[in-house]
Amino acid sequence: MGALPEIVPISDLRARQNEVLAELAHGPIILTQRGRVTAVLVSPRQWNRLFARLQELEAEVEEAEDARDAATIEASVASGEERLWDWSEVEAMLDALPD
């Protein structure tokens, strides 16, 4: 794990703006107000990396959910709980519907 982020009271931000923003190159900065965390500053580069990784993780979760759903369906078909329909059977049922 990396170093702890710098903690800066938001009141100091105005007086040390250039210094604080320069520190973003080293990692995020936690802003506090009245002793409580109010915001976290990150550089645009770090934000883009974090956002890209979040998108990758979301895609991985979606793939895992799809795989889980497919396995559930396969198990239901294998147990006889569900039935797979051949497309020709579906077409025949649709053709048999009244207009």
C-alpha atoms as a PDB file:
ATOM      1  CA  MET A   1       0.000   0.000   0.000  1.00  0.00           C
ATOM      2  CA  GLY A   2       1.246   3.495  -0.800  1.00  0.00           C
ATOM      3  CA  ALA A   3       1.914   6.390   1.514  1.00  0.00           C
ATOM      4  CA  LEU A   4      -0.994   8.012   3.279  1.00  0.00           C
ATOM      5  CA  PRO A   5      -2.468  10.948   1.352  1.00  0.00           C
ATOM      6  CA  GLU A   6      -1.648  14.436   2.527  1.00  0.00           C
ATOM      7  CA  ILE A   7      -4.400  15.990   4.634  1.00  0.00           C
ATOM      8  CA  VAL A   8      -5.019  19.688   4.072  1.00  0.00           C
ATOM      9  CA  PRO A   9      -7.570  21.856   5.844  1.00  0.00           C
ATOM     10  CA  ILE A  10      -9.727  23.480   3.195  1.00  0.00           C
ATOM     11  CA  SER A  11      -8.937  26.874   4.765  1.00  0.00           C
ATOM     12  CA  ASP A  12      -5.245  26.292   3.873  1.00  0.00           C
ATOM     13  CA  LEU A  13      -6.073  25.542   0.256  1.00  0.00           C
ATOM     14  CA  ARG A  14      -6.572  29.203  -0.629  1.00  0.00           C
ATOM     15  CA  ALA A  15      -3.233  30.249   0.896  1.00  0.00           C
ATOM     16  CA  ARG A  16      -1.257  27.250  -0.443  1.00  0.00           C
ATOM     17  CA  GLN A  17      -3.125  26.580  -3.684  1.00  0.00           C
ATOM     18  CA  ASN A  18      -0.085  26.185  -5.956  1.00  0.00           C
ATOM     19  CA  GLU A  19       1.785  24.028  -3.436  1.00  0.00           C
ATOM     20  CA  VAL A  20      -1.224  21.778  -2.817  1.00  0.00           C
ATOM     21  CA  LEU A  21      -1.946  21.346  -6.520  1.00  0.00           C
ATOM     22  CA  ALA A  22       1.725  20.518  -7.164  1.00  0.00           C
ATOM     23  CA  GLU A  23       1.468  17.753  -4.541  1.00  0.00           C
ATOM     24  CA  LEU A  24      -1.223  16.033  -6.656  1.00  0.00           C
ATOM     25  CA  ALA A  25       1.626  14.636  -8.752  1.00  0.00           C
ATOM     26  CA  HIS A  26       2.528  12.479  -5.734  1.00  0.00           C
ATOM     27  CA  GLY A  27      -0.980  11.234  -4.999  1.00  0.00           C
ATOM     28  CA  PRO A  28      -4.396  12.275  -3.777  1.00  0.00           C
ATOM     29  CA  ILE A  29      -4.929  14.995  -1.206  1.00  0.00           C
ATOM     30  CA  ILE A  30      -7.639  14.839   1.431  1.00  0.00           C
ATOM     31  CA  LEU A  31      -9.371  18.137   2.174  1.00  0.00           C
ATOM     32  CA  THR A  32     -10.902  18.643   5.588  1.00  0.00           C
ATOM     33  CA  GLN A  33     -13.320  21.188   6.948  1.00  0.00           C
ATOM     34  CA  ARG A  34     -13.759  21.564  10.692  1.00  0.00           C
ATOM     35  CA  GLY A  35     -11.742  18.369  11.162  1.00  0.00           C
ATOM     36  CA  ARG A  36     -13.911  16.247   8.864  1.00  0.00           C
ATOM     37  CA  VAL A  37     -13.065  14.924   5.429  1.00  0.00           C
ATOM     38  CA  THR A  38     -14.981  16.924   2.823  1.00  0.00           C
ATOM     39  CA  ALA A  39     -13.262  16.064  -0.456  1.00  0.00           C
ATOM     40  CA  VAL A  40     -10.429  14.192  -2.095  1.00  0.00           C
ATOM     41  CA  LEU A  41      -8.384  15.829  -4.829  1.00  0.00           C
ATOM     42  CA  VAL A  42      -6.740  13.677  -7.484  1.00  0.00           C
ATOM     43  CA  SER A  43      -4.815  14.629 -10.584  1.00  0.00           C
ATOM     44  CA  PRO A  44      -6.581  14.258 -13.940  1.00  0.00           C
ATOM     45  CA  ARG A  45      -4.096  11.527 -14.854  1.00  0.00           C
ATOM     46  CA  GLN A  46      -4.869   9.524 -11.712  1.00  0.00           C
ATOM     47  CA  TRP A  47      -8.602  10.121 -12.172  1.00  0.00           C
ATOM     48  CA  ASN A  48      -8.418   8.726 -15.715  1.00  0.00           C
ATOM     49  CA  ARG A  49      -6.509   5.649 -14.496  1.00  0.00           C
ATOM     50  CA  LEU A  50      -9.010   5.058 -11.693  1.00  0.00           C
ATOM     51  CA  PHE A  51     -11.980   5.544 -14.012  1.00  0.00           C
ATOM     52  CA  ALA A  52     -10.528   3.178 -16.630  1.00  0.00           C
ATOM     53  CA  ARG A  53      -9.913   0.531 -13.953  1.00  0.00           C
ATOM     54  CA  LEU A  54     -13.449   0.954 -12.642  1.00  0.00           C
ATOM     55  CA  GLN A  55     -14.812   0.360 -16.142  1.00  0.00           C
ATOM     56  CA  GLU A  56     -12.643  -2.771 -16.456  1.00  0.00           C
ATOM     57  CA  LEU A  57     -13.947  -4.075 -13.126  1.00  0.00           C
ATOM     58  CA  GLU A  58     -17.550  -3.364 -14.125  1.00  0.00           C
ATOM     59  CA  ALA A  59     -17.021  -5.320 -17.350  1.00  0.00           C
ATOM     60  CA  GLU A  60     -15.482  -8.211 -15.390  1.00  0.00           C
ATOM     61  CA  VAL A  61     -18.445  -8.258 -12.992  1.00  0.00           C
ATOM     62  CA  GLU A  62     -20.873  -8.213 -15.908  1.00  0.00           C
ATOM     63  CA  GLU A  63     -19.054 -11.129 -17.563  1.00  0.00           C
ATOM     64  CA  ALA A  64     -19.084 -13.073 -14.298  1.00  0.00           C
ATOM     65  CA  GLU A  65     -22.806 -12.434 -13.872  1.00  0.00           C
ATOM     66  CA  ASP A  66     -23.455 -13.575 -17.462  1.00  0.00           C
ATOM     67  CA  ALA A  67     -21.416 -16.751 -16.833  1.00  0.00           C
ATOM     68  CA  ARG A  68     -23.327 -17.392 -13.605  1.00  0.00           C
ATOM     69  CA  ASP A  69     -26.665 -16.906 -15.398  1.00  0.00           C
ATOM     70  CA  ALA A  70     -25.600 -19.268 -18.202  1.00  0.00           C
ATOM     71  CA  ALA A  71     -24.552 -21.908 -15.669  1.00  0.00           C
ATOM     72  CA  THR A  72     -27.887 -21.562 -13.873  1.00  0.00           C
ATOM     73  CA  ILE A  73     -29.792 -22.020 -17.133  1.00  0.00           C
ATOM     74  CA  GLU A  74     -27.642 -24.990 -18.135  1.00  0.00           C
ATOM     75  CA  ALA A  75     -28.305 -26.620 -14.747  1.00  0.00           C
ATOM     76  CA  SER A  76     -32.053 -26.025 -15.095  1.00  0.00           C
ATOM     77  CA  VAL A  77     -32.062 -27.597 -18.548  1.00  0.00           C
ATOM     78  CA  ALA A  78     -29.938 -30.544 -17.389  1.00  0.00           C
ATOM     79  CA  SER A  79     -32.289 -31.203 -14.454  1.00  0.00           C
ATOM     80  CA  GLY A  80     -35.336 -31.042 -16.694  1.00  0.00           C
ATOM     81  CA  GLU A  81     -36.647 -27.997 -14.874  1.00  0.00           C
ATOM     82  CA  GLU A  82     -36.389 -25.918 -18.050  1.00  0.00           C
ATOM     83  CA  ARG A  83     -36.733 -26.865 -21.701  1.00  0.00           C
ATOM     84  CA  LEU A  84     -34.843 -25.583 -24.711  1.00  0.00           C
ATOM     85  CA  TRP A  85     -36.983 -24.890 -27.713  1.00  0.00           C
ATOM     86  CA  ASP A  86     -35.794 -25.421 -31.245  1.00  0.00           C
ATOM     87  CA  TRP A  87     -36.343 -22.358 -33.420  1.00  0.00           C
ATOM     88  CA  SER A  88     -38.537 -24.350 -35.812  1.00  0.00           C
ATOM     89  CA  GLU A  89     -40.798 -25.213 -32.842  1.00  0.00           C
ATOM     90  CA  VAL A  90     -41.049 -21.552 -31.901  1.00  0.00           C
ATOM     91  CA  GLU A  91     -41.860 -20.602 -35.510  1.00  0.00           C
ATOM     92  CA  ALA A  92     -44.593 -23.261 -35.624  1.00  0.00           C
ATOM     93  CA  MET A  93     -46.130 -21.926 -32.393  1.00  0.00           C
ATOM     94  CA  LEU A  94     -46.028 -18.369 -33.705  1.00  0.00           C
ATOM     95  CA  ASP A  95     -47.595 -19.428 -37.006  1.00  0.00           C
ATOM     96  CA  ALA A  96     -50.395 -21.149 -35.062  1.00  0.00           C
ATOM     97  CA  LEU A  97     -51.334 -17.919 -33.255  1.00  0.00           C
ATOM     98  CA  PRO A  98     -54.491 -16.193 -34.495  1.00  0.00           C
ATOM     99  CA  ASP A  99     -53.986 -12.976 -36.420  1.00  0.00           C
END
